[in-house]
Amino acid sequence: MKQKGLAPILIVILIAILAVGGYLIYKQFSSNAGQTINPACYYEKVICKKAPCNPILRCEKPLPTPVFLARDNLAQQFKVSPIEIVVVLFEEIEWNDGSLGCSKAGMFYTQAIVPGYKAIFEFKQKQYEYHTDKNAQFVVCQPVTP
């Protein structure tokens, strides 16, 4: 009688193990397959010696807010999800004045050092350079081609 009572318990344990294992496999392989990706995540361009070289999804270190907003701006221009915009690079920089390194003839700018970021994004094999301050201001410099 003890052996009959043990079989249903073992079946329940086996089903639970299979369910948990299946869920973990699903979570591992479904992150990019139609799932919603955290908006703070971004694809980072990778330089490699052999093609094809796919961007890497980064979520551990979110984009600084000004870079995040600049990426959103570019995505809105193309009417795509921000995750489709690849981050080639972003770096902290100090701009010489309020033009954020993209001065235009006939314009006047604050004459002070402005801390911010330089960000280069890529969409459909074309690169776009954005300059930001540390708040929410950014300017789009001319598109740069690789």
Protein backbone atom coordinates (compact mmCIF):
# COMPACT_ATOMS: atom_id res chain seq x y z
CA MET A 1 0.00 0.00 0.00
CA LYS A 2 2.86 2.36 0.70
CA GLN A 3 4.19 1.97 -2.85
CA LYS A 4 0.80 2.93 -4.38
CA GLY A 5 0.69 6.11 -2.30
CA LEU A 6 4.22 7.05 -3.35
CA ALA A 7 3.58 6.91 -7.12
CA PRO A 8 1.19 9.91 -7.27
CA ILE A 9 3.59 11.98 -5.19
CA LEU A 10 6.50 11.15 -7.51
CA ILE A 11 4.36 12.03 -10.54
CA VAL A 12 3.46 15.40 -9.01
CA ILE A 13 7.13 16.12 -8.23
CA LEU A 14 8.17 15.14 -11.78
CA ILE A 15 5.50 17.40 -13.31
CA ALA A 16 6.64 20.29 -11.07
CA ILE A 17 10.27 19.81 -12.10
CA LEU A 18 9.33 19.72 -15.79
CA ALA A 19 7.15 22.81 -15.41
CA VAL A 20 9.88 24.82 -13.68
CA GLY A 21 12.52 23.66 -16.17
CA GLY A 22 10.25 24.52 -19.11
CA TYR A 23 9.55 27.96 -17.66
CA LEU A 24 13.28 28.68 -17.22
CA ILE A 25 14.02 27.63 -20.79
CA TYR A 26 11.13 29.78 -22.02
CA LYS A 27 12.43 32.83 -20.12
CA GLN A 28 15.95 32.33 -21.46
CA PHE A 29 15.00 32.07 -25.12
CA SER A 30 11.98 34.34 -25.31
CA SER A 31 13.55 37.64 -24.22
CA ASN A 32 13.94 38.86 -27.83
CA ALA A 33 11.14 36.86 -29.47
CA GLY A 34 8.24 39.30 -29.47
CA GLN A 35 8.57 40.06 -25.78
CA THR A 36 8.42 43.56 -24.38
CA ILE A 37 11.94 44.73 -23.63
CA ASN A 38 12.66 47.11 -20.78
CA PRO A 39 12.87 50.61 -22.34
CA ALA A 40 16.09 51.23 -20.45
CA CYS A 41 17.73 48.42 -22.44
CA TYR A 42 19.51 49.14 -25.67
CA TYR A 43 21.40 47.41 -28.44
CA GLU A 44 25.09 48.19 -28.45
CA LYS A 45 27.06 47.92 -31.67
CA VAL A 46 29.89 45.42 -31.49
CA ILE A 47 33.05 45.59 -33.57
CA CYS A 48 34.19 42.16 -34.67
CA LYS A 49 36.55 40.72 -37.25
CA LYS A 50 34.09 38.34 -38.92
CA ALA A 51 30.68 39.23 -40.33
CA PRO A 52 27.86 39.06 -39.46
CA CYS A 53 28.29 40.86 -36.19
CA ASN A 54 25.03 41.45 -34.33
CA PRO A 55 24.52 44.13 -31.67
CA ILE A 56 24.35 43.01 -28.04
CA LEU A 57 21.31 43.75 -25.88
CA ARG A 58 22.43 45.68 -22.77
CA CYS A 59 20.19 46.02 -19.74
CA GLU A 60 22.62 46.01 -16.82
CA LYS A 61 23.71 49.62 -17.26
CA PRO A 62 20.86 51.88 -18.40
CA LEU A 63 21.43 54.79 -20.73
CA PRO A 64 21.85 58.17 -19.04
CA THR A 65 18.58 60.13 -19.26
CA PRO A 66 19.77 62.65 -21.91
CA VAL A 67 21.04 59.82 -24.15
CA PHE A 68 17.81 57.89 -23.56
CA LEU A 69 15.79 60.94 -24.66
CA ALA A 70 17.99 61.49 -27.72
CA ARG A 71 17.50 57.84 -28.75
CA ASP A 72 13.73 58.26 -28.30
CA ASN A 73 13.83 61.36 -30.49
CA LEU A 74 15.52 59.47 -33.31
CA ALA A 75 13.07 56.57 -32.95
CA GLN A 76 10.14 59.00 -33.17
CA GLN A 77 11.53 60.50 -36.37
CA PHE A 78 11.53 57.06 -38.00
CA LYS A 79 8.32 55.94 -36.25
CA VAL A 80 9.99 52.84 -34.79
CA SER A 81 10.48 51.43 -31.31
CA PRO A 82 13.52 52.93 -29.51
CA ILE A 83 14.97 49.42 -29.11
CA GLU A 84 15.47 49.35 -32.91
CA ILE A 85 17.98 52.21 -32.62
CA VAL A 86 21.47 50.77 -32.08
CA VAL A 87 23.79 52.65 -29.70
CA VAL A 88 27.20 52.85 -31.38
CA LEU A 89 28.69 54.84 -28.51
CA PHE A 90 27.94 57.32 -25.80
CA GLU A 91 30.50 59.13 -23.71
CA GLU A 92 30.61 61.92 -21.19
CA ILE A 93 32.07 65.11 -22.55
CA GLU A 94 32.42 68.80 -21.66
CA TRP A 95 31.21 71.10 -24.42
CA ASN A 96 32.96 74.48 -24.79
CA ASP A 97 29.68 76.41 -24.92
CA GLY A 98 25.89 76.15 -25.09
CA SER A 99 25.95 75.01 -28.72
CA LEU A 100 26.91 71.57 -27.41
CA GLY A 101 29.53 71.29 -30.14
CA CYS A 102 27.08 71.89 -33.01
CA SER A 103 27.11 75.64 -33.49
CA LYS A 104 25.13 77.25 -36.30
CA ALA A 105 26.09 80.47 -38.06
CA GLY A 106 24.30 83.54 -36.74
CA MET A 107 23.32 81.94 -33.43
CA PHE A 108 24.53 83.06 -30.01
CA TYR A 109 25.30 80.55 -27.28
CA THR A 110 26.07 80.56 -23.57
CA GLN A 111 29.82 80.98 -23.14
CA ALA A 112 30.42 78.41 -20.42
CA ILE A 113 31.54 74.82 -20.13
CA VAL A 114 28.52 72.53 -20.45
CA PRO A 115 28.86 68.93 -19.22
CA GLY A 116 26.97 66.39 -21.29
CA TYR A 117 27.22 63.41 -23.62
CA LYS A 118 28.16 62.63 -27.18
CA ALA A 119 26.03 59.79 -28.55
CA ILE A 120 26.12 58.08 -31.91
CA PHE A 121 23.14 55.96 -32.91
CA GLU A 122 22.62 53.73 -35.91
CA PHE A 123 19.44 52.90 -37.78
CA LYS A 124 19.31 51.05 -41.09
CA GLN A 125 23.10 51.27 -41.49
CA LYS A 126 23.15 55.07 -41.17
CA GLN A 127 24.64 56.81 -38.16
CA TYR A 128 23.34 59.90 -36.33
CA GLU A 129 25.29 62.01 -33.87
CA TYR A 130 23.55 63.66 -30.93
CA HIS A 131 25.11 66.02 -28.39
CA THR A 132 23.42 66.57 -25.04
CA ASP A 133 23.80 68.44 -21.81
CA LYS A 134 23.30 66.62 -18.48
CA ASN A 135 19.60 67.54 -18.40
CA ALA A 136 17.19 66.99 -21.26
CA GLN A 137 18.63 69.29 -23.92
CA PHE A 138 20.12 67.76 -27.05
CA VAL A 139 21.04 68.77 -30.57
CA VAL A 140 21.30 66.63 -33.66
CA CYS A 141 24.54 67.13 -35.52
CA GLN A 142 24.79 66.15 -39.17
CA PRO A 143 24.34 62.44 -39.83
CA VAL A 144 27.68 60.69 -40.04
CA THR A 145 28.20 57.67 -42.26
CA PRO A 146 30.34 54.73 -41.20
